[in-house]
Amino acid sequence: MSLVLVGGADRKETLMQRIVIRLSRQVKRQFRCTISRIKDAKLKTRYLIILHTAQGYGRRQIAKMLLCSSSTVDRIRRRFVEEGELGLVDHRGDTLSFLRT
């Protein structure tokens, strides 16, 4: 897994760094397998945000595909960069038990 933070050219993107996530084929395959087993829609969306980011889609494209806001995409990307895969789990609910099985 590779993470790259790139500053934008215009003023708006300079305030918020662009996050590029690169995942190996094996990790992408693991993510797809995990996504197929997830029943919780919100958790599945968070995994899909990271997978689509690794595939090169922009935040607005991802938000449109997954019917969520661009700020949600930004927040999930940032949490993934800071905490890894555990950052995708909603710590308030029981979704953490999914990763233990």
Protein backbone atom coordinates (compact mmCIF):
# COMPACT_ATOMS: atom_id res chain seq x y z
CA MET A 1 0.00 0.00 0.00
CA SER A 2 1.31 3.41 -0.91
CA LEU A 3 -0.06 6.80 0.13
CA VAL A 4 0.84 10.04 -1.61
CA LEU A 5 -0.20 13.52 -0.50
CA VAL A 6 -0.13 16.02 -3.35
CA GLY A 7 -0.77 19.75 -3.01
CA GLY A 8 -3.17 21.22 -5.58
CA ALA A 9 -2.43 23.96 -8.08
CA ASP A 10 -5.41 26.18 -7.35
CA ARG A 11 -6.23 27.86 -4.08
CA LYS A 12 -9.09 25.55 -3.13
CA GLU A 13 -7.02 22.37 -3.50
CA THR A 14 -4.03 23.96 -1.76
CA LEU A 15 -6.16 24.20 1.38
CA MET A 16 -6.96 20.51 1.16
CA GLN A 17 -4.24 18.16 0.03
CA ARG A 18 -5.14 15.59 -2.58
CA ILE A 19 -4.80 12.05 -1.28
CA VAL A 20 -3.66 9.36 -3.71
CA ILE A 21 -3.92 5.80 -2.44
CA ARG A 22 -2.13 3.01 -4.27
CA LEU A 23 -2.96 -0.58 -3.40
CA SER A 24 -1.25 -3.69 -4.76
CA ARG A 25 -3.28 -6.16 -6.81
CA GLN A 26 -3.34 -8.52 -3.86
CA VAL A 27 -4.69 -5.87 -1.49
CA LYS A 28 -7.31 -4.80 -4.06
CA ARG A 29 -8.36 -8.45 -4.37
CA GLN A 30 -8.60 -8.72 -0.57
CA PHE A 31 -10.69 -5.54 -0.44
CA ARG A 32 -13.08 -6.91 -3.10
CA CYS A 33 -13.42 -10.17 -1.18
CA THR A 34 -14.08 -8.28 2.05
CA ILE A 35 -16.62 -6.02 0.32
CA SER A 36 -18.54 -9.02 -0.98
CA ARG A 37 -18.90 -10.38 2.58
CA ILE A 38 -19.91 -7.11 4.26
CA LYS A 39 -23.60 -6.76 5.07
CA ASP A 40 -23.46 -3.29 6.63
CA ALA A 41 -24.07 -0.75 3.82
CA LYS A 42 -22.10 2.07 5.46
CA LEU A 43 -19.04 -0.10 6.03
CA LYS A 44 -19.26 -1.37 2.44
CA THR A 45 -19.39 2.24 1.22
CA ARG A 46 -16.25 3.12 3.18
CA TYR A 47 -14.37 0.17 1.64
CA LEU A 48 -15.60 1.14 -1.83
CA ILE A 49 -14.39 4.71 -1.34
CA ILE A 50 -10.85 3.44 -0.74
CA LEU A 51 -11.00 0.92 -3.58
CA HIS A 52 -12.26 3.55 -6.05
CA THR A 53 -9.62 6.00 -4.85
CA ALA A 54 -6.92 3.40 -5.52
CA GLN A 55 -8.40 2.91 -9.00
CA GLY A 56 -7.85 6.60 -9.73
CA TYR A 57 -11.35 8.05 -9.40
CA GLY A 58 -11.71 11.58 -8.05
CA ARG A 59 -13.66 12.53 -4.95
CA ARG A 60 -16.63 13.94 -6.87
CA GLN A 61 -16.83 10.87 -9.11
CA ILE A 62 -16.77 8.57 -6.09
CA ALA A 63 -19.37 10.64 -4.26
CA LYS A 64 -21.65 10.49 -7.28
CA MET A 65 -21.15 6.71 -7.77
CA LEU A 66 -21.80 5.89 -4.11
CA LEU A 67 -24.47 8.55 -3.50
CA CYS A 68 -22.60 10.23 -0.67
CA SER A 69 -21.08 13.68 -0.20
CA SER A 70 -17.58 14.73 -1.26
CA SER A 71 -16.83 15.55 2.36
CA THR A 72 -17.62 11.94 3.30
CA VAL A 73 -15.13 10.75 0.69
CA ASP A 74 -12.50 13.14 2.08
CA ARG A 75 -13.14 12.07 5.68
CA ILE A 76 -12.93 8.34 4.88
CA ARG A 77 -9.73 8.80 2.86
CA ARG A 78 -8.15 10.78 5.67
CA ARG A 79 -9.12 8.17 8.27
CA PHE A 80 -7.68 5.41 6.07
CA VAL A 81 -4.39 7.28 5.73
CA GLU A 82 -4.19 7.87 9.48
CA GLU A 83 -5.49 4.55 10.82
CA GLY A 84 -5.34 2.04 7.96
CA GLU A 85 -8.10 -0.51 7.47
CA LEU A 86 -9.30 -0.14 11.08
CA GLY A 87 -10.09 3.49 10.26
CA LEU A 88 -12.90 2.25 8.01
CA VAL A 89 -14.74 0.63 10.90
CA ASP A 90 -17.43 2.55 12.76
CA HIS A 91 -16.19 2.31 16.33
CA ARG A 92 -19.60 3.29 17.71
CA GLY A 93 -21.38 0.16 16.49
CA ASP A 94 -20.76 -3.54 16.14
CA THR A 95 -18.96 -3.38 12.77
CA LEU A 96 -15.65 -4.01 14.54
CA SER A 97 -16.72 -7.61 15.14
CA PHE A 98 -16.80 -8.17 11.37
CA LEU A 99 -13.02 -7.74 11.12
CA ARG A 100 -12.38 -10.18 13.96
CA THR A 101 -14.04 -13.13 12.19
